Amino acid sequence: MELAIIFIIGFVSSFFGSFTSGGTSLLSLSLLGVYGLPPLMSLSMYKVGNVGFQLGGLINYLKAEKV
């Protein structure tokens, strides 16, 4: 059940973050704090999740030959 709640928090924050630039961290970190996770754990979960976004952006730039 806890994993499903964390997944929903991540999905909602990523959905709203796709409309704004940089709004994902504000929403996801605060929701994970409200959920009861320690600040270091929620920050590390956020940073690990960002690796996927950065790799996706890198792949798009490599396909467009901008790098």
PDB file of N, CA and C in Angstrom:
ATOM      1  N   MET A   1       0.825  -1.197   0.000  1.00  0.00           N
ATOM      2  CA  MET A   1       0.000   0.000   0.000  1.00  0.00           C
ATOM      3  C   MET A   1       0.868   1.259   0.000  1.00  0.00           C
ATOM      4  N   GLU A   2       1.950   1.228   0.792  1.00  0.00           N
ATOM      5  CA  GLU A   2       2.830   2.397   0.851  1.00  0.00           C
ATOM      6  C   GLU A   2       3.484   2.669  -0.501  1.00  0.00           C
ATOM      7  N   LEU A   3       3.868   1.606  -1.180  1.00  0.00           N
ATOM      8  CA  LEU A   3       4.514   1.768  -2.483  1.00  0.00           C
ATOM      9  C   LEU A   3       3.543   2.366  -3.494  1.00  0.00           C
ATOM     10  N   ALA A   4       2.286   1.989  -3.410  1.00  0.00           N
ATOM     11  CA  ALA A   4       1.283   2.547  -4.322  1.00  0.00           C
ATOM     12  C   ALA A   4       1.086   4.040  -4.066  1.00  0.00           C
ATOM     13  N   ILE A   5       1.101   4.448  -2.809  1.00  0.00           N
ATOM     14  CA  ILE A   5       0.940   5.870  -2.480  1.00  0.00           C
ATOM     15  C   ILE A   5       2.129   6.674  -2.982  1.00  0.00           C
ATOM     16  N   ILE A   6       3.330   6.145  -2.812  1.00  0.00           N
ATOM     17  CA  ILE A   6       4.524   6.831  -3.300  1.00  0.00           C
ATOM     18  C   ILE A   6       4.504   6.916  -4.822  1.00  0.00           C
ATOM     19  N   PHE A   7       4.026   5.859  -5.489  1.00  0.00           N
ATOM     20  CA  PHE A   7       3.906   5.880  -6.946  1.00  0.00           C
ATOM     21  C   PHE A   7       2.917   6.954  -7.388  1.00  0.00           C
ATOM     22  N   ILE A   8       1.787   7.055  -6.700  1.00  0.00           N
ATOM     23  CA  ILE A   8       0.782   8.058  -7.051  1.00  0.00           C
ATOM     24  C   ILE A   8       1.335   9.461  -6.842  1.00  0.00           C
ATOM     25  N   ILE A   9       2.068   9.679  -5.747  1.00  0.00           N
ATOM     26  CA  ILE A   9       2.687  10.982  -5.498  1.00  0.00           C
ATOM     27  C   ILE A   9       3.647  11.334  -6.628  1.00  0.00           C
ATOM     28  N   GLY A  10       4.469  10.382  -7.044  1.00  0.00           N
ATOM     29  CA  GLY A  10       5.407  10.631  -8.130  1.00  0.00           C
ATOM     30  C   GLY A  10       4.714  10.891  -9.450  1.00  0.00           C
ATOM     31  N   PHE A  11       3.642  10.158  -9.709  1.00  0.00           N
ATOM     32  CA  PHE A  11       2.914  10.347 -10.966  1.00  0.00           C
ATOM     33  C   PHE A  11       2.255  11.715 -11.011  1.00  0.00           C
ATOM     34  N   VAL A  12       1.609  12.102  -9.917  1.00  0.00           N
ATOM     35  CA  VAL A  12       0.917  13.392  -9.880  1.00  0.00           C
ATOM     36  C   VAL A  12       1.914  14.538 -10.003  1.00  0.00           C
ATOM     37  N   SER A  13       3.030  14.450  -9.279  1.00  0.00           N
ATOM     38  CA  SER A  13       4.006  15.537  -9.344  1.00  0.00           C
ATOM     39  C   SER A  13       4.667  15.610 -10.715  1.00  0.00           C
ATOM     40  N   SER A  14       4.912  14.484 -11.353  1.00  0.00           N
ATOM     41  CA  SER A  14       5.487  14.505 -12.697  1.00  0.00           C
ATOM     42  C   SER A  14       4.492  15.033 -13.722  1.00  0.00           C
ATOM     43  N   PHE A  15       3.210  14.716 -13.528  1.00  0.00           N
ATOM     44  CA  PHE A  15       2.178  15.201 -14.446  1.00  0.00           C
ATOM     45  C   PHE A  15       2.089  16.718 -14.397  1.00  0.00           C
ATOM     46  N   PHE A  16       2.036  17.274 -13.183  1.00  0.00           N
ATOM     47  CA  PHE A  16       1.964  18.724 -13.068  1.00  0.00           C
ATOM     48  C   PHE A  16       3.298  19.383 -13.400  1.00  0.00           C
ATOM     49  N   GLY A  17       4.395  18.698 -13.151  1.00  0.00           N
ATOM     50  CA  GLY A  17       5.702  19.235 -13.488  1.00  0.00           C
ATOM     51  C   GLY A  17       5.959  19.298 -14.976  1.00  0.00           C
ATOM     52  N   SER A  18       5.225  18.496 -15.747  1.00  0.00           N
ATOM     53  CA  SER A  18       5.411  18.547 -17.191  1.00  0.00           C
ATOM     54  C   SER A  18       4.830  19.831 -17.785  1.00  0.00           C
ATOM     55  N   PHE A  19       3.905  20.454 -17.091  1.00  0.00           N
ATOM     56  CA  PHE A  19       3.331  21.716 -17.558  1.00  0.00           C
ATOM     57  C   PHE A  19       4.183  22.916 -17.176  1.00  0.00           C
ATOM     58  N   THR A  20       4.900  22.796 -16.074  1.00  0.00           N
ATOM     59  CA  THR A  20       5.754  23.886 -15.616  1.00  0.00           C
ATOM     60  C   THR A  20       7.185  23.383 -15.551  1.00  0.00           C
ATOM     61  N   SER A  21       8.113  24.283 -15.632  1.00  0.00           N
ATOM     62  CA  SER A  21       9.514  23.853 -15.516  1.00  0.00           C
ATOM     63  C   SER A  21       9.972  24.055 -14.077  1.00  0.00           C
ATOM     64  N   GLY A  22      10.380  22.986 -13.447  1.00  0.00           N
ATOM     65  CA  GLY A  22      10.898  23.063 -12.097  1.00  0.00           C
ATOM     66  C   GLY A  22       9.863  22.913 -11.001  1.00  0.00           C
ATOM     67  N   GLY A  23       8.618  22.721 -11.332  1.00  0.00           N
ATOM     68  CA  GLY A  23       7.592  22.585 -10.316  1.00  0.00           C
ATOM     69  C   GLY A  23       7.522  21.200  -9.710  1.00  0.00           C
ATOM     70  N   THR A  24       8.196  20.254 -10.327  1.00  0.00           N
ATOM     71  CA  THR A  24       8.134  18.880  -9.838  1.00  0.00           C
ATOM     72  C   THR A  24       8.771  18.732  -8.474  1.00  0.00           C
ATOM     73  N   SER A  25       9.900  19.356  -8.267  1.00  0.00           N
ATOM     74  CA  SER A  25      10.594  19.185  -6.991  1.00  0.00           C
ATOM     75  C   SER A  25       9.798  19.777  -5.850  1.00  0.00           C
ATOM     76  N   LEU A  26       9.208  20.926  -6.053  1.00  0.00           N
ATOM     77  CA  LEU A  26       8.422  21.554  -4.997  1.00  0.00           C
ATOM     78  C   LEU A  26       7.250  20.686  -4.593  1.00  0.00           C
ATOM     79  N   LEU A  27       6.565  20.142  -5.559  1.00  0.00           N
ATOM     80  CA  LEU A  27       5.388  19.334  -5.272  1.00  0.00           C
ATOM     81  C   LEU A  27       5.765  17.977  -4.695  1.00  0.00           C
ATOM     82  N   SER A  28       6.709  17.286  -5.302  1.00  0.00           N
ATOM     83  CA  SER A  28       7.029  15.926  -4.854  1.00  0.00           C
ATOM     84  C   SER A  28       7.709  15.921  -3.491  1.00  0.00           C
ATOM     85  N   LEU A  29       8.629  16.831  -3.250  1.00  0.00           N
ATOM     86  CA  LEU A  29       9.305  16.852  -1.958  1.00  0.00           C
ATOM     87  C   LEU A  29       8.355  17.204  -0.827  1.00  0.00           C
ATOM     88  N   SER A  30       7.451  18.132  -1.070  1.00  0.00           N
ATOM     89  CA  SER A  30       6.513  18.488  -0.010  1.00  0.00           C
ATOM     90  C   SER A  30       5.506  17.364   0.244  1.00  0.00           C
ATOM     91  N   LEU A  31       5.048  16.693  -0.825  1.00  0.00           N
ATOM     92  CA  LEU A  31       4.110  15.587  -0.618  1.00  0.00           C
ATOM     93  C   LEU A  31       4.770  14.400   0.078  1.00  0.00           C
ATOM     94  N   LEU A  32       6.008  14.124  -0.256  1.00  0.00           N
ATOM     95  CA  LEU A  32       6.703  13.036   0.442  1.00  0.00           C
ATOM     96  C   LEU A  32       6.964  13.393   1.900  1.00  0.00           C
ATOM     97  N   GLY A  33       7.189  14.665   2.182  1.00  0.00           N
ATOM     98  CA  GLY A  33       7.339  15.097   3.578  1.00  0.00           C
ATOM     99  C   GLY A  33       6.042  14.972   4.344  1.00  0.00           C
ATOM    100  N   VAL A  34       4.935  15.319   3.712  1.00  0.00           N
ATOM    101  CA  VAL A  34       3.622  15.161   4.351  1.00  0.00           C
ATOM    102  C   VAL A  34       3.317  13.686   4.576  1.00  0.00           C
ATOM    103  N   TYR A  35       3.755  12.849   3.666  1.00  0.00           N
ATOM    104  CA  TYR A  35       3.542  11.409   3.803  1.00  0.00           C
ATOM    105  C   TYR A  35       4.306  10.842   4.992  1.00  0.00           C
ATOM    106  N   GLY A  36       5.378  11.499   5.395  1.00  0.00           N
ATOM    107  CA  GLY A  36       6.109  11.066   6.578  1.00  0.00           C
ATOM    108  C   GLY A  36       7.513  10.568   6.327  1.00  0.00           C
ATOM    109  N   LEU A  37       8.004  10.706   5.105  1.00  0.00           N
ATOM    110  CA  LEU A  37       9.374  10.279   4.839  1.00  0.00           C
ATOM    111  C   LEU A  37      10.359  11.307   5.365  1.00  0.00           C
ATOM    112  N   PRO A  38      11.503  10.862   5.858  1.00  0.00           N
ATOM    113  CA  PRO A  38      12.530  11.817   6.294  1.00  0.00           C
ATOM    114  C   PRO A  38      13.015  12.660   5.117  1.00  0.00           C
ATOM    115  N   PRO A  39      13.450  13.886   5.382  1.00  0.00           N
ATOM    116  CA  PRO A  39      13.861  14.782   4.287  1.00  0.00           C
ATOM    117  C   PRO A  39      14.980  14.216   3.420  1.00  0.00           C
ATOM    118  N   LEU A  40      15.961  13.559   4.027  1.00  0.00           N
ATOM    119  CA  LEU A  40      17.062  13.016   3.217  1.00  0.00           C
ATOM    120  C   LEU A  40      16.591  11.895   2.305  1.00  0.00           C
ATOM    121  N   MET A  41      15.663  11.079   2.778  1.00  0.00           N
ATOM    122  CA  MET A  41      15.160   9.992   1.947  1.00  0.00           C
ATOM    123  C   MET A  41      14.312  10.528   0.797  1.00  0.00           C
ATOM    124  N   SER A  42      13.483  11.520   1.071  1.00  0.00           N
ATOM    125  CA  SER A  42      12.659  12.059  -0.010  1.00  0.00           C
ATOM    126  C   SER A  42      13.507  12.797  -1.035  1.00  0.00           C
ATOM    127  N   LEU A  43      14.541  13.485  -0.591  1.00  0.00           N
ATOM    128  CA  LEU A  43      15.429  14.168  -1.529  1.00  0.00           C
ATOM    129  C   LEU A  43      16.211  13.175  -2.378  1.00  0.00           C
ATOM    130  N   SER A  44      16.666  12.085  -1.758  1.00  0.00           N
ATOM    131  CA  SER A  44      17.413  11.087  -2.531  1.00  0.00           C
ATOM    132  C   SER A  44      16.503  10.369  -3.524  1.00  0.00           C
ATOM    133  N   MET A  45      15.256  10.111  -3.152  1.00  0.00           N
ATOM    134  CA  MET A  45      14.320   9.502  -4.097  1.00  0.00           C
ATOM    135  C   MET A  45      14.062  10.430  -5.276  1.00  0.00           C
ATOM    136  N   TYR A  46      13.976  11.715  -5.005  1.00  0.00           N
ATOM    137  CA  TYR A  46      13.757  12.681  -6.074  1.00  0.00           C
ATOM    138  C   TYR A  46      14.959  12.741  -7.014  1.00  0.00           C
ATOM    139  N   LYS A  47      16.166  12.744  -6.452  1.00  0.00           N
ATOM    140  CA  LYS A  47      17.372  12.827  -7.279  1.00  0.00           C
ATOM    141  C   LYS A  47      17.559  11.572  -8.129  1.00  0.00           C
ATOM    142  N   VAL A  48      17.274  10.409  -7.574  1.00  0.00           N
ATOM    143  CA  VAL A  48      17.397   9.171  -8.341  1.00  0.00           C
ATOM    144  C   VAL A  48      16.363   9.152  -9.465  1.00  0.00           C
ATOM    145  N   GLY A  49      15.163   9.673  -9.198  1.00  0.00           N
ATOM    146  CA  GLY A  49      14.137   9.737 -10.226  1.00  0.00           C
ATOM    147  C   GLY A  49      14.503  10.676 -11.357  1.00  0.00           C
ATOM    148  N   ASN A  50      15.263  11.706 -11.063  1.00  0.00           N
ATOM    149  CA  ASN A  50      15.668  12.663 -12.096  1.00  0.00           C
ATOM    150  C   ASN A  50      16.677  12.081 -13.078  1.00  0.00           C
ATOM    151  N   VAL A  51      17.355  11.029 -12.697  1.00  0.00           N
ATOM    152  CA  VAL A  51      18.323  10.409 -13.602  1.00  0.00           C
ATOM    153  C   VAL A  51      17.617   9.929 -14.872  1.00  0.00           C
ATOM    154  N   GLY A  52      16.410   9.377 -14.728  1.00  0.00           N
ATOM    155  CA  GLY A  52      15.652   8.917 -15.893  1.00  0.00           C
ATOM    156  C   GLY A  52      15.299  10.057 -16.827  1.00  0.00           C
ATOM    157  N   PHE A  53      14.883  11.202 -16.257  1.00  0.00           N
ATOM    158  CA  PHE A  53      14.566  12.356 -17.095  1.00  0.00           C
ATOM    159  C   PHE A  53      15.796  12.868 -17.817  1.00  0.00           C
ATOM    160  N   GLN A  54      16.927  12.893 -17.141  1.00  0.00           N
ATOM    161  CA  GLN A  54      18.148  13.389 -17.758  1.00  0.00           C
ATOM    162  C   GLN A  54      18.630  12.450 -18.862  1.00  0.00           C
ATOM    163  N   LEU A  55      18.506  11.154 -18.644  1.00  0.00           N
ATOM    164  CA  LEU A  55      18.898  10.211 -19.688  1.00  0.00           C
ATOM    165  C   LEU A  55      17.979  10.311 -20.899  1.00  0.00           C
ATOM    166  N   GLY A  56      16.686  10.516 -20.650  1.00  0.00           N
ATOM    167  CA  GLY A  56      15.755  10.687 -21.760  1.00  0.00           C
ATOM    168  C   GLY A  56      16.060  11.930 -22.570  1.00  0.00           C
ATOM    169  N   GLY A  57      16.402  13.009 -21.897  1.00  0.00           N
ATOM    170  CA  GLY A  57      16.777  14.233 -22.601  1.00  0.00           C
ATOM    171  C   GLY A  57      18.059  14.072 -23.386  1.00  0.00           C
ATOM    172  N   LEU A  58      19.009  13.350 -22.812  1.00  0.00           N
ATOM    173  CA  LEU A  58      20.270  13.109 -23.510  1.00  0.00           C
ATOM    174  C   LEU A  58      20.058  12.284 -24.773  1.00  0.00           C
ATOM    175  N   ILE A  59      19.188  11.289 -24.679  1.00  0.00           N
ATOM    176  CA  ILE A  59      18.912  10.458 -25.859  1.00  0.00           C
ATOM    177  C   ILE A  59      18.278  11.291 -26.961  1.00  0.00           C
ATOM    178  N   ASN A  60      17.359  12.185 -26.589  1.00  0.00           N
ATOM    179  CA  ASN A  60      16.735  13.047 -27.600  1.00  0.00           C
ATOM    180  C   ASN A  60      17.756  13.973 -28.247  1.00  0.00           C
ATOM    181  N   TYR A  61      18.675  14.516 -27.469  1.00  0.00           N
ATOM    182  CA  TYR A  61      19.698  15.384 -28.039  1.00  0.00           C
ATOM    183  C   TYR A  61      20.654  14.603 -28.932  1.00  0.00           C
ATOM    184  N   LEU A  62      20.973  13.370 -28.556  1.00  0.00           N
ATOM    185  CA  LEU A  62      21.852  12.563 -29.388  1.00  0.00           C
ATOM    186  C   LEU A  62      21.187  12.205 -30.709  1.00  0.00           C
ATOM    187  N   LYS A  63      19.871  11.923 -30.674  1.00  0.00           N
ATOM    188  CA  LYS A  63      19.164  11.614 -31.918  1.00  0.00           C
ATOM    189  C   LYS A  63      19.096  12.823 -32.829  1.00  0.00           C
ATOM    190  N   ALA A  64      18.983  14.014 -32.240  1.00  0.00           N
ATOM    191  CA  ALA A  64      18.916  15.253 -33.044  1.00  0.00           C
ATOM    192  C   ALA A  64      20.303  15.754 -33.419  1.00  0.00           C
ATOM    193  N   GLU A  65      21.340  15.054 -32.976  1.00  0.00           N
ATOM    194  CA  GLU A  65      22.741  15.403 -33.235  1.00  0.00           C
ATOM    195  C   GLU A  65      23.090  16.813 -32.781  1.00  0.00           C
ATOM    196  N   LYS A  66      22.598  17.177 -31.596  1.00  0.00           N
ATOM    197  CA  LYS A  66      22.919  18.470 -31.017  1.00  0.00           C
ATOM    198  C   LYS A  66      24.080  18.400 -30.032  1.00  0.00           C
ATOM    199  N   VAL A  67      24.542  17.186 -29.746  1.00  0.00           N
ATOM    200  CA  VAL A  67      25.652  17.035 -28.817  1.00  0.00           C
ATOM    201  C   VAL A  67      26.868  16.602 -29.576  1.00  0.00           C
TER     202      VAL A  67
END
